[in-house]
Amino acid sequence: QVQPAESGGGVVQAGDSLTLSCSVSGGTFVGDDMVAWYRQAPGKEREVIGTITWDAGSRHYADSMRGRFTIYRNYHENRAWLHMNGLKPEDTGIYYCDVRRDYIVYWGQGTRVTVSS
C-alpha cells in the first residue's frame, strides 16, 4: 500500500512563498513513480497543478499554473516538493499530492493552505 503524505500547509500573507512536501508514509518512492500535485479551492473542483516523474525528474505543468509554481523532487530526501511564489488569496485551498505506481493512483489526505489578503 502506498500512502502519500503532504505537509507544509498553513496560513500565509498574500505575496508570501510556501513550499509543500509530499512523501510516502512508511515507504519510499520508486523509479517509475509519478507524483502529481493538485489543489481544491473552496466550492470548486480539484485542479491539477503539475506532475513530476520520480526517476528522471521530468516535470509538466498545467498552463494556468506556469510561472508561480515549481515542482521538484529530492532523491536523497525521498520527497517531492511544490514551491509556490507570490501567493494570492485565490490560491487558498487544500493541496494534494498523488502517487501513480503500476497504473494505480494513491491519494494523500491533503494539506490546507490559506492565503490572507
C-alpha atoms as a PDB file:
ATOM      1  CA  GLN A   1       0.000   0.000   0.000  1.00  0.00           C
ATOM      2  CA  VAL A   2       1.283   3.426  -0.973  1.00  0.00           C
ATOM      3  CA  GLN A   3       0.169   6.248   1.299  1.00  0.00           C
ATOM      4  CA  PRO A   4       1.212   9.725   0.168  1.00  0.00           C
ATOM      5  CA  ALA A   5       1.575  12.272   2.935  1.00  0.00           C
ATOM      6  CA  GLU A   6       1.532  16.010   2.354  1.00  0.00           C
ATOM      7  CA  SER A   7       2.851  18.600   4.769  1.00  0.00           C
ATOM      8  CA  GLY A   8       3.812  22.247   4.917  1.00  0.00           C
ATOM      9  CA  GLY A   9       0.450  23.948   4.653  1.00  0.00           C
ATOM     10  CA  GLY A  10      -0.535  26.872   6.816  1.00  0.00           C
ATOM     11  CA  VAL A  11      -1.725  30.443   6.877  1.00  0.00           C
ATOM     12  CA  VAL A  12       0.348  32.949   4.916  1.00  0.00           C
ATOM     13  CA  GLN A  13       0.026  36.502   3.681  1.00  0.00           C
ATOM     14  CA  ALA A  14      -0.596  37.469   0.091  1.00  0.00           C
ATOM     15  CA  GLY A  15       2.740  37.722  -1.698  1.00  0.00           C
ATOM     16  CA  ASP A  16       4.434  35.120   0.508  1.00  0.00           C
ATOM     17  CA  SER A  17       6.054  31.934  -0.684  1.00  0.00           C
ATOM     18  CA  LEU A  18       5.380  28.471   0.647  1.00  0.00           C
ATOM     19  CA  THR A  19       6.784  25.029  -0.021  1.00  0.00           C
ATOM     20  CA  LEU A  20       4.749  21.868   0.415  1.00  0.00           C
ATOM     21  CA  SER A  21       6.194  18.410   0.775  1.00  0.00           C
ATOM     22  CA  CYS A  22       4.984  15.021  -0.402  1.00  0.00           C
ATOM     23  CA  SER A  23       6.383  11.769   0.945  1.00  0.00           C
ATOM     24  CA  VAL A  24       5.288   8.151   1.063  1.00  0.00           C
ATOM     25  CA  SER A  25       4.260   7.347   4.589  1.00  0.00           C
ATOM     26  CA  GLY A  26       6.136   4.303   5.818  1.00  0.00           C
ATOM     27  CA  GLY A  27       7.769   3.779   2.463  1.00  0.00           C
ATOM     28  CA  THR A  28       9.750   5.257  -0.372  1.00  0.00           C
ATOM     29  CA  PHE A  29       9.275   6.482  -3.889  1.00  0.00           C
ATOM     30  CA  VAL A  30      10.450   4.065  -6.548  1.00  0.00           C
ATOM     31  CA  GLY A  31      11.804   4.544 -10.029  1.00  0.00           C
ATOM     32  CA  ASP A  32       8.668   4.583 -12.188  1.00  0.00           C
ATOM     33  CA  ASP A  33       6.530   6.610  -9.787  1.00  0.00           C
ATOM     34  CA  MET A  34       4.914   9.787 -10.936  1.00  0.00           C
ATOM     35  CA  VAL A  35       3.895  12.422  -8.416  1.00  0.00           C
ATOM     36  CA  ALA A  36       1.096  14.823  -9.216  1.00  0.00           C
ATOM     37  CA  TRP A  37       0.109  17.928  -7.302  1.00  0.00           C
ATOM     38  CA  TYR A  38      -3.477  19.125  -7.223  1.00  0.00           C
ATOM     39  CA  ARG A  39      -5.415  21.718  -5.350  1.00  0.00           C
ATOM     40  CA  GLN A  40      -9.043  22.222  -4.479  1.00  0.00           C
ATOM     41  CA  ALA A  41     -10.308  25.691  -3.666  1.00  0.00           C
ATOM     42  CA  PRO A  42     -13.430  26.086  -1.529  1.00  0.00           C
ATOM     43  CA  GLY A  43     -16.506  25.332  -3.600  1.00  0.00           C
ATOM     44  CA  LYS A  44     -14.503  24.361  -6.669  1.00  0.00           C
ATOM     45  CA  GLU A  45     -13.370  21.177  -8.309  1.00  0.00           C
ATOM     46  CA  ARG A  46      -9.943  19.746  -7.820  1.00  0.00           C
ATOM     47  CA  GLU A  47      -7.492  21.033 -10.429  1.00  0.00           C
ATOM     48  CA  VAL A  48      -4.110  19.750 -11.431  1.00  0.00           C
ATOM     49  CA  ILE A  49      -1.022  21.839 -10.837  1.00  0.00           C
ATOM     50  CA  GLY A  50       1.582  19.595 -12.391  1.00  0.00           C
ATOM     51  CA  THR A  51       3.486  16.344 -12.298  1.00  0.00           C
ATOM     52  CA  ILE A  52       6.992  15.064 -11.881  1.00  0.00           C
ATOM     53  CA  THR A  53       8.460  11.667 -12.648  1.00  0.00           C
ATOM     54  CA  TRP A  54      10.479  10.287  -9.805  1.00  0.00           C
ATOM     55  CA  ASP A  55      13.397   8.749 -11.663  1.00  0.00           C
ATOM     56  CA  ALA A  56      14.029  11.311 -14.375  1.00  0.00           C
ATOM     57  CA  GLY A  57      12.575  14.352 -12.625  1.00  0.00           C
ATOM     58  CA  SER A  58      10.660  15.299 -15.762  1.00  0.00           C
ATOM     59  CA  ARG A  59       8.100  17.983 -14.987  1.00  0.00           C
ATOM     60  CA  HIS A  60       4.891  19.131 -16.618  1.00  0.00           C
ATOM     61  CA  TYR A  61       2.595  21.933 -15.524  1.00  0.00           C
ATOM     62  CA  ALA A  62      -0.969  22.885 -16.254  1.00  0.00           C
ATOM     63  CA  ASP A  63      -0.962  26.003 -18.397  1.00  0.00           C
ATOM     64  CA  SER A  64      -2.762  28.019 -15.737  1.00  0.00           C
ATOM     65  CA  MET A  65      -0.143  27.065 -13.141  1.00  0.00           C
ATOM     66  CA  ARG A  66       3.003  28.035 -15.009  1.00  0.00           C
ATOM     67  CA  GLY A  67       5.134  30.753 -13.531  1.00  0.00           C
ATOM     68  CA  ARG A  68       4.398  30.771  -9.803  1.00  0.00           C
ATOM     69  CA  PHE A  69       4.557  27.054  -9.054  1.00  0.00           C
ATOM     70  CA  THR A  70       7.605  24.816  -9.185  1.00  0.00           C
ATOM     71  CA  ILE A  71       7.607  21.066  -8.642  1.00  0.00           C
ATOM     72  CA  TYR A  72      10.806  19.245  -7.830  1.00  0.00           C
ATOM     73  CA  ARG A  73      11.950  16.186  -6.050  1.00  0.00           C
ATOM     74  CA  ASN A  74      14.878  15.379  -3.831  1.00  0.00           C
ATOM     75  CA  TYR A  75      16.097  11.879  -4.444  1.00  0.00           C
ATOM     76  CA  HIS A  76      18.071  11.621  -1.234  1.00  0.00           C
ATOM     77  CA  GLU A  77      15.387  13.110   0.982  1.00  0.00           C
ATOM     78  CA  ASN A  78      12.814  10.893  -0.709  1.00  0.00           C
ATOM     79  CA  ARG A  79      10.376  13.792  -1.055  1.00  0.00           C
ATOM     80  CA  ALA A  80       8.626  15.697  -3.775  1.00  0.00           C
ATOM     81  CA  TRP A  81       8.042  19.387  -3.301  1.00  0.00           C
ATOM     82  CA  LEU A  82       5.686  22.068  -4.530  1.00  0.00           C
ATOM     83  CA  HIS A  83       7.119  25.549  -4.206  1.00  0.00           C
ATOM     84  CA  MET A  84       4.692  28.445  -4.596  1.00  0.00           C
ATOM     85  CA  ASN A  85       5.645  32.087  -5.082  1.00  0.00           C
ATOM     86  CA  GLY A  86       3.599  35.233  -4.937  1.00  0.00           C
ATOM     87  CA  LEU A  87       0.650  33.590  -3.233  1.00  0.00           C
ATOM     88  CA  LYS A  88      -2.766  35.150  -3.723  1.00  0.00           C
ATOM     89  CA  PRO A  89      -5.977  34.747  -1.741  1.00  0.00           C
ATOM     90  CA  GLU A  90      -7.376  32.704  -4.627  1.00  0.00           C
ATOM     91  CA  ASP A  91      -4.631  30.146  -4.028  1.00  0.00           C
ATOM     92  CA  THR A  92      -6.402  29.210  -0.808  1.00  0.00           C
ATOM     93  CA  GLY A  93      -7.419  25.580  -0.735  1.00  0.00           C
ATOM     94  CA  ILE A  94      -6.381  22.056   0.065  1.00  0.00           C
ATOM     95  CA  TYR A  95      -3.306  20.850  -1.753  1.00  0.00           C
ATOM     96  CA  TYR A  96      -2.911  17.174  -2.544  1.00  0.00           C
ATOM     97  CA  CYS A  97      -0.243  15.000  -3.960  1.00  0.00           C
ATOM     98  CA  ASP A  98      -0.924  11.678  -5.555  1.00  0.00           C
ATOM     99  CA  VAL A  99       1.473   8.916  -6.425  1.00  0.00           C
ATOM    100  CA  ARG A 100       0.934   6.888  -9.569  1.00  0.00           C
ATOM    101  CA  ARG A 101       2.518   3.458  -9.409  1.00  0.00           C
ATOM    102  CA  ASP A 102       1.814   0.430 -11.556  1.00  0.00           C
ATOM    103  CA  TYR A 103      -1.281   2.084 -13.085  1.00  0.00           C
ATOM    104  CA  ILE A 104      -2.808   2.758  -9.653  1.00  0.00           C
ATOM    105  CA  VAL A 105      -3.283   6.244  -8.226  1.00  0.00           C
ATOM    106  CA  TYR A 106      -2.815   6.737  -4.497  1.00  0.00           C
ATOM    107  CA  TRP A 107      -4.081   9.943  -2.890  1.00  0.00           C
ATOM    108  CA  GLY A 108      -2.875  11.768   0.170  1.00  0.00           C
ATOM    109  CA  GLN A 109      -5.116  13.484   2.691  1.00  0.00           C
ATOM    110  CA  GLY A 110      -4.082  16.960   1.619  1.00  0.00           C
ATOM    111  CA  THR A 111      -2.647  19.951   3.399  1.00  0.00           C
ATOM    112  CA  ARG A 112      -4.544  23.194   3.797  1.00  0.00           C
ATOM    113  CA  VAL A 113      -3.161  26.490   2.555  1.00  0.00           C
ATOM    114  CA  THR A 114      -4.845  29.736   3.498  1.00  0.00           C
ATOM    115  CA  VAL A 115      -3.681  32.973   1.923  1.00  0.00           C
ATOM    116  CA  SER A 116      -4.903  36.101   3.664  1.00  0.00           C
ATOM    117  CA  SER A 117      -5.047  39.480   1.951  1.00  0.00           C
END
